[in-house]
């Protein structure tokens, strides 16, 4: 009885400290996070998520070449992502700079400088990020499942341009691939399938 009482108090206190957010159990965070990955990558992907105290941590080490990020419980709707492990240093650097309070522009500029100097390595081959989003109304928090989610794709090709890829700088029709941040360290192909 005492253990249960103190466990409940600890969870309540953690939620209070994390801005009134309820942090799902690790297994639910993992199940939701990997929804963004291709089905053959889900079972063994590394997963980052949130500890009961709200700290960002590794929930599962993983054994394949994919990394997934759990939904941020402080945000209203659902948003998870997975990417090839070759992008992990780039993504981690962005998380560190964001935690330091840097603006999006500062993060871009710092990483651009670090990539050019060789301090931060970007993959030499095209590398994909998968982003799944949805509404809380369509999310089953007990099961970790999401109905009517929207999956989009980002293929990083550092320093690629419209000229080197043949892609436009903006889509002419829904779902058309296009290149964003062309000519920079984070040049990437955006693929946003039409929403049904």
C-alpha atoms as a PDB file:
ATOM      1  CA  UNK A   1       0.000   0.000   0.000  1.00  0.00           C
ATOM      2  CA  UNK A   2       2.741   2.458   0.944  1.00  0.00           C
ATOM      3  CA  UNK A   3       4.729   1.645  -2.206  1.00  0.00           C
ATOM      4  CA  UNK A   4       1.691   2.273  -4.400  1.00  0.00           C
ATOM      5  CA  UNK A   5       0.945   5.536  -2.634  1.00  0.00           C
ATOM      6  CA  UNK A   6       4.500   6.848  -3.024  1.00  0.00           C
ATOM      7  CA  UNK A   7       4.665   5.671  -6.651  1.00  0.00           C
ATOM      8  CA  UNK A   8       1.468   7.603  -7.398  1.00  0.00           C
ATOM      9  CA  UNK A   9       2.894  10.698  -5.670  1.00  0.00           C
ATOM     10  CA  UNK A  10       6.117  10.404  -7.690  1.00  0.00           C
ATOM     11  CA  UNK A  11       4.211  10.195 -10.980  1.00  0.00           C
ATOM     12  CA  UNK A  12       2.003  13.125 -10.005  1.00  0.00           C
ATOM     13  CA  UNK A  13       5.016  15.233  -9.017  1.00  0.00           C
ATOM     14  CA  UNK A  14       6.827  14.387 -12.259  1.00  0.00           C
ATOM     15  CA  UNK A  15       3.788  15.378 -14.276  1.00  0.00           C
ATOM     16  CA  UNK A  16       3.522  18.654 -12.350  1.00  0.00           C
ATOM     17  CA  UNK A  17       7.186  19.393 -12.998  1.00  0.00           C
ATOM     18  CA  UNK A  18       6.750  18.675 -16.680  1.00  0.00           C
ATOM     19  CA  UNK A  19       4.065  21.278 -17.244  1.00  0.00           C
ATOM     20  CA  UNK A  20       1.035  19.202 -16.272  1.00  0.00           C
ATOM     21  CA  UNK A  21       1.860  16.640 -19.008  1.00  0.00           C
ATOM     22  CA  UNK A  22       1.220  12.965 -18.464  1.00  0.00           C
ATOM     23  CA  UNK A  23       4.194  10.979 -19.695  1.00  0.00           C
ATOM     24  CA  UNK A  24       3.109   7.639 -21.172  1.00  0.00           C
ATOM     25  CA  UNK A  25       4.844   4.423 -20.137  1.00  0.00           C
ATOM     26  CA  UNK A  26       8.025   3.643 -22.093  1.00  0.00           C
ATOM     27  CA  UNK A  27       6.433   0.743 -23.995  1.00  0.00           C
ATOM     28  CA  UNK A  28       3.621   2.991 -25.263  1.00  0.00           C
ATOM     29  CA  UNK A  29       6.082   5.728 -26.239  1.00  0.00           C
ATOM     30  CA  UNK A  30       8.115   3.161 -28.182  1.00  0.00           C
ATOM     31  CA  UNK A  31       5.056   1.677 -29.885  1.00  0.00           C
ATOM     32  CA  UNK A  32       3.911   5.134 -31.014  1.00  0.00           C
ATOM     33  CA  UNK A  33       7.363   6.373 -32.028  1.00  0.00           C
ATOM     34  CA  UNK A  34       8.097   3.505 -34.398  1.00  0.00           C
ATOM     35  CA  UNK A  35       4.836   4.062 -36.298  1.00  0.00           C
ATOM     36  CA  UNK A  36       6.790   6.588 -38.383  1.00  0.00           C
ATOM     37  CA  UNK A  37       9.340   3.980 -39.537  1.00  0.00           C
ATOM     38  CA  UNK A  38       8.955   1.540 -42.425  1.00  0.00           C
ATOM     39  CA  UNK A  39       7.433  -1.683 -41.084  1.00  0.00           C
ATOM     40  CA  UNK A  40      10.644  -3.690 -41.516  1.00  0.00           C
ATOM     41  CA  UNK A  41      12.578  -1.187 -39.361  1.00  0.00           C
ATOM     42  CA  UNK A  42      10.148  -0.806 -36.445  1.00  0.00           C
ATOM     43  CA  UNK A  43      11.029  -3.780 -34.231  1.00  0.00           C
ATOM     44  CA  UNK A  44      14.702  -3.012 -33.700  1.00  0.00           C
ATOM     45  CA  UNK A  45      14.988   0.779 -34.032  1.00  0.00           C
ATOM     46  CA  UNK A  46      16.647   2.850 -31.316  1.00  0.00           C
ATOM     47  CA  UNK A  47      14.021   4.996 -29.574  1.00  0.00           C
ATOM     48  CA  UNK A  48      14.429   8.268 -27.683  1.00  0.00           C
ATOM     49  CA  UNK A  49      11.617   9.393 -25.421  1.00  0.00           C
ATOM     50  CA  UNK A  50      10.798  10.767 -21.999  1.00  0.00           C
ATOM     51  CA  UNK A  51      11.536   9.463 -18.511  1.00  0.00           C
ATOM     52  CA  UNK A  52       8.917   9.917 -15.762  1.00  0.00           C
ATOM     53  CA  UNK A  53      10.679  13.123 -14.668  1.00  0.00           C
ATOM     54  CA  UNK A  54      10.333  14.571 -18.195  1.00  0.00           C
ATOM     55  CA  UNK A  55      13.991  14.216 -19.155  1.00  0.00           C
ATOM     56  CA  UNK A  56      14.791  13.157 -22.719  1.00  0.00           C
ATOM     57  CA  UNK A  57      16.430   9.746 -22.717  1.00  0.00           C
ATOM     58  CA  UNK A  58      17.008   6.513 -24.620  1.00  0.00           C
ATOM     59  CA  UNK A  59      14.016   4.214 -24.101  1.00  0.00           C
ATOM     60  CA  UNK A  60      15.357   1.380 -26.261  1.00  0.00           C
ATOM     61  CA  UNK A  61      18.910   0.957 -27.555  1.00  0.00           C
ATOM     62  CA  UNK A  62      17.971  -0.704 -30.840  1.00  0.00           C
ATOM     63  CA  UNK A  63      20.009  -2.947 -33.111  1.00  0.00           C
ATOM     64  CA  UNK A  64      19.316  -1.722 -36.639  1.00  0.00           C
ATOM     65  CA  UNK A  65      20.078   1.433 -38.616  1.00  0.00           C
ATOM     66  CA  UNK A  66      17.021   3.445 -37.526  1.00  0.00           C
ATOM     67  CA  UNK A  67      16.420   5.996 -34.760  1.00  0.00           C
ATOM     68  CA  UNK A  68      12.934   7.084 -33.658  1.00  0.00           C
ATOM     69  CA  UNK A  69      11.741   9.966 -31.481  1.00  0.00           C
ATOM     70  CA  UNK A  70       8.711   9.598 -29.215  1.00  0.00           C
ATOM     71  CA  UNK A  71       5.921  12.140 -29.087  1.00  0.00           C
ATOM     72  CA  UNK A  72       6.602  15.192 -26.929  1.00  0.00           C
ATOM     73  CA  UNK A  73       3.938  14.997 -24.185  1.00  0.00           C
ATOM     74  CA  UNK A  74       4.019  18.799 -23.784  1.00  0.00           C
ATOM     75  CA  UNK A  75       2.605  19.241 -27.299  1.00  0.00           C
ATOM     76  CA  UNK A  76      -1.107  19.002 -27.926  1.00  0.00           C
ATOM     77  CA  UNK A  77      -1.194  16.737 -30.957  1.00  0.00           C
ATOM     78  CA  UNK A  78       0.848  13.685 -31.900  1.00  0.00           C
ATOM     79  CA  UNK A  79       4.161  13.987 -33.712  1.00  0.00           C
ATOM     80  CA  UNK A  80       6.756  11.226 -34.017  1.00  0.00           C
ATOM     81  CA  UNK A  81       9.663  10.738 -36.380  1.00  0.00           C
ATOM     82  CA  UNK A  82      12.239   8.177 -37.427  1.00  0.00           C
ATOM     83  CA  UNK A  83      15.422   8.591 -39.401  1.00  0.00           C
ATOM     84  CA  UNK A  84      18.435   6.689 -40.648  1.00  0.00           C
ATOM     85  CA  UNK A  85      21.103   6.412 -37.946  1.00  0.00           C
ATOM     86  CA  UNK A  86      23.580   8.290 -40.163  1.00  0.00           C
ATOM     87  CA  UNK A  87      21.595  11.455 -39.342  1.00  0.00           C
ATOM     88  CA  UNK A  88      21.804  10.987 -35.558  1.00  0.00           C
ATOM     89  CA  UNK A  89      24.754  13.345 -34.951  1.00  0.00           C
ATOM     90  CA  UNK A  90      23.057  16.078 -36.984  1.00  0.00           C
ATOM     91  CA  UNK A  91      19.745  15.616 -35.163  1.00  0.00           C
ATOM     92  CA  UNK A  92      21.398  15.417 -31.729  1.00  0.00           C
ATOM     93  CA  UNK A  93      23.293  18.649 -32.382  1.00  0.00           C
ATOM     94  CA  UNK A  94      20.003  20.344 -33.223  1.00  0.00           C
ATOM     95  CA  UNK A  95      18.418  19.083 -30.003  1.00  0.00           C
ATOM     96  CA  UNK A  96      21.370  20.337 -27.928  1.00  0.00           C
ATOM     97  CA  UNK A  97      21.283  23.787 -29.529  1.00  0.00           C
ATOM     98  CA  UNK A  98      17.514  23.986 -29.131  1.00  0.00           C
ATOM     99  CA  UNK A  99      17.814  23.105 -25.430  1.00  0.00           C
ATOM    100  CA  UNK A 100      20.354  25.932 -25.104  1.00  0.00           C
ATOM    101  CA  UNK A 101      17.636  28.309 -26.318  1.00  0.00           C
ATOM    102  CA  UNK A 102      19.056  28.951 -29.780  1.00  0.00           C
ATOM    103  CA  UNK A 103      16.652  30.185 -32.465  1.00  0.00           C
ATOM    104  CA  UNK A 104      15.953  28.112 -35.588  1.00  0.00           C
ATOM    105  CA  UNK A 105      18.124  30.520 -37.588  1.00  0.00           C
ATOM    106  CA  UNK A 106      20.986  30.208 -35.096  1.00  0.00           C
ATOM    107  CA  UNK A 107      20.721  26.409 -35.158  1.00  0.00           C
ATOM    108  CA  UNK A 108      20.854  26.451 -38.957  1.00  0.00           C
ATOM    109  CA  UNK A 109      23.856  28.813 -39.031  1.00  0.00           C
ATOM    110  CA  UNK A 110      25.803  26.947 -36.324  1.00  0.00           C
ATOM    111  CA  UNK A 111      25.315  23.560 -37.937  1.00  0.00           C
ATOM    112  CA  UNK A 112      26.157  24.958 -41.381  1.00  0.00           C
ATOM    113  CA  UNK A 113      29.456  26.298 -40.021  1.00  0.00           C
ATOM    114  CA  UNK A 114      30.214  23.056 -38.181  1.00  0.00           C
ATOM    115  CA  UNK A 115      29.490  20.895 -41.221  1.00  0.00           C
ATOM    116  CA  UNK A 116      31.690  23.071 -43.436  1.00  0.00           C
ATOM    117  CA  UNK A 117      34.554  22.886 -40.904  1.00  0.00           C
ATOM    118  CA  UNK A 118      34.220  19.107 -40.587  1.00  0.00           C
ATOM    119  CA  UNK A 119      33.285  19.313 -36.897  1.00  0.00           C
ATOM    120  CA  UNK A 120      29.805  17.928 -37.633  1.00  0.00           C
ATOM    121  CA  UNK A 121      29.486  15.082 -40.124  1.00  0.00           C
ATOM    122  CA  UNK A 122      26.571  14.737 -42.514  1.00  0.00           C
ATOM    123  CA  UNK A 123      25.921  11.486 -44.386  1.00  0.00           C
ATOM    124  CA  UNK A 124      27.557  11.314 -47.798  1.00  0.00           C
ATOM    125  CA  UNK A 125      24.617   9.368 -49.255  1.00  0.00           C
ATOM    126  CA  UNK A 126      20.955  10.472 -49.442  1.00  0.00           C
ATOM    127  CA  UNK A 127      19.383   9.762 -46.032  1.00  0.00           C
ATOM    128  CA  UNK A 128      15.705   9.732 -45.076  1.00  0.00           C
ATOM    129  CA  UNK A 129      13.634  11.154 -42.220  1.00  0.00           C
ATOM    130  CA  UNK A 130      10.020  10.000 -41.760  1.00  0.00           C
ATOM    131  CA  UNK A 131       7.590  12.284 -39.916  1.00  0.00           C
ATOM    132  CA  UNK A 132       4.176  11.076 -38.714  1.00  0.00           C
ATOM    133  CA  UNK A 133       1.623  13.493 -37.290  1.00  0.00           C
ATOM    134  CA  UNK A 134      -1.966  13.272 -36.131  1.00  0.00           C
ATOM    135  CA  UNK A 135      -4.508  14.667 -33.715  1.00  0.00           C
ATOM    136  CA  UNK A 136      -5.042  13.657 -30.094  1.00  0.00           C
ATOM    137  CA  UNK A 137      -8.622  12.749 -31.041  1.00  0.00           C
ATOM    138  CA  UNK A 138      -7.291   9.990 -33.301  1.00  0.00           C
ATOM    139  CA  UNK A 139      -4.740   8.710 -30.796  1.00  0.00           C
ATOM    140  CA  UNK A 140      -5.382   5.769 -28.465  1.00  0.00           C
ATOM    141  CA  UNK A 141      -3.048   6.538 -25.541  1.00  0.00           C
ATOM    142  CA  UNK A 142      -3.632   3.146 -23.916  1.00  0.00           C
ATOM    143  CA  UNK A 143      -2.694   1.205 -27.042  1.00  0.00           C
ATOM    144  CA  UNK A 144      -0.200   3.646 -28.560  1.00  0.00           C
ATOM    145  CA  UNK A 145      -2.001   3.611 -31.914  1.00  0.00           C
ATOM    146  CA  UNK A 146      -2.922   6.464 -34.260  1.00  0.00           C
ATOM    147  CA  UNK A 147      -5.747   6.580 -36.794  1.00  0.00           C
ATOM    148  CA  UNK A 148      -5.668   8.859 -39.841  1.00  0.00           C
ATOM    149  CA  UNK A 149      -2.060   9.879 -39.310  1.00  0.00           C
ATOM    150  CA  UNK A 150      -0.186  11.863 -41.955  1.00  0.00           C
ATOM    151  CA  UNK A 151       3.239  10.575 -43.012  1.00  0.00           C
ATOM    152  CA  UNK A 152       5.691  12.770 -44.907  1.00  0.00           C
ATOM    153  CA  UNK A 153       9.253  12.174 -46.025  1.00  0.00           C
ATOM    154  CA  UNK A 154      12.445  14.223 -46.008  1.00  0.00           C
ATOM    155  CA  UNK A 155      15.496  12.971 -47.922  1.00  0.00           C
ATOM    156  CA  UNK A 156      18.676  14.791 -46.890  1.00  0.00           C
ATOM    157  CA  UNK A 157      21.232  15.391 -49.669  1.00  0.00           C
ATOM    158  CA  UNK A 158      23.761  17.912 -48.336  1.00  0.00           C
ATOM    159  CA  UNK A 159      24.588  20.750 -50.729  1.00  0.00           C
ATOM    160  CA  UNK A 160      22.250  19.461 -53.458  1.00  0.00           C
ATOM    161  CA  UNK A 161      20.617  22.090 -55.648  1.00  0.00           C
ATOM    162  CA  UNK A 162      17.682  22.300 -58.034  1.00  0.00           C
ATOM    163  CA  UNK A 163      20.223  22.070 -60.843  1.00  0.00           C
ATOM    164  CA  UNK A 164      22.012  18.984 -59.458  1.00  0.00           C
ATOM    165  CA  UNK A 165      18.775  17.095 -58.750  1.00  0.00           C
ATOM    166  CA  UNK A 166      16.340  18.372 -61.378  1.00  0.00           C
ATOM    167  CA  UNK A 167      13.854  19.120 -58.597  1.00  0.00           C
ATOM    168  CA  UNK A 168      11.927  22.392 -58.297  1.00  0.00           C
ATOM    169  CA  UNK A 169      12.297  24.771 -55.346  1.00  0.00           C
ATOM    170  CA  UNK A 170       8.570  24.444 -54.622  1.00  0.00           C
ATOM    171  CA  UNK A 171       5.912  21.909 -55.575  1.00  0.00           C
ATOM    172  CA  UNK A 172       3.699  22.674 -58.565  1.00  0.00           C
ATOM    173  CA  UNK A 173       1.080  20.088 -57.575  1.00  0.00           C
ATOM    174  CA  UNK A 174       0.191  18.346 -54.283  1.00  0.00           C
ATOM    175  CA  UNK A 175       2.605  15.537 -53.491  1.00  0.00           C
ATOM    176  CA  UNK A 176       5.291  16.689 -55.928  1.00  0.00           C
ATOM    177  CA  UNK A 177       8.830  16.275 -54.551  1.00  0.00           C
ATOM    178  CA  UNK A 178      10.792  19.512 -54.227  1.00  0.00           C
ATOM    179  CA  UNK A 179      14.112  20.637 -52.776  1.00  0.00           C
ATOM    180  CA  UNK A 180      14.346  22.806 -49.668  1.00  0.00           C
ATOM    181  CA  UNK A 181      17.408  24.641 -48.288  1.00  0.00           C
ATOM    182  CA  UNK A 182      19.116  23.981 -51.618  1.00  0.00           C
ATOM    183  CA  UNK A 183      22.887  24.410 -51.657  1.00  0.00           C
ATOM    184  CA  UNK A 184      23.250  24.157 -47.870  1.00  0.00           C
ATOM    185  CA  UNK A 185      24.326  21.435 -45.440  1.00  0.00           C
ATOM    186  CA  UNK A 186      20.681  20.546 -44.851  1.00  0.00           C
ATOM    187  CA  UNK A 187      19.476  20.516 -48.428  1.00  0.00           C
ATOM    188  CA  UNK A 188      16.659  18.004 -48.562  1.00  0.00           C
ATOM    189  CA  UNK A 189      13.936  16.660 -50.784  1.00  0.00           C
ATOM    190  CA  UNK A 190      10.471  17.252 -49.354  1.00  0.00           C
ATOM    191  CA  UNK A 191       7.799  14.679 -50.177  1.00  0.00           C
ATOM    192  CA  UNK A 192       4.402  15.622 -48.758  1.00  0.00           C
ATOM    193  CA  UNK A 193       1.780  13.182 -50.080  1.00  0.00           C
ATOM    194  CA  UNK A 194      -1.609  14.753 -50.786  1.00  0.00           C
ATOM    195  CA  UNK A 195      -3.876  14.570 -47.740  1.00  0.00           C
ATOM    196  CA  UNK A 196      -6.896  12.344 -48.282  1.00  0.00           C
END
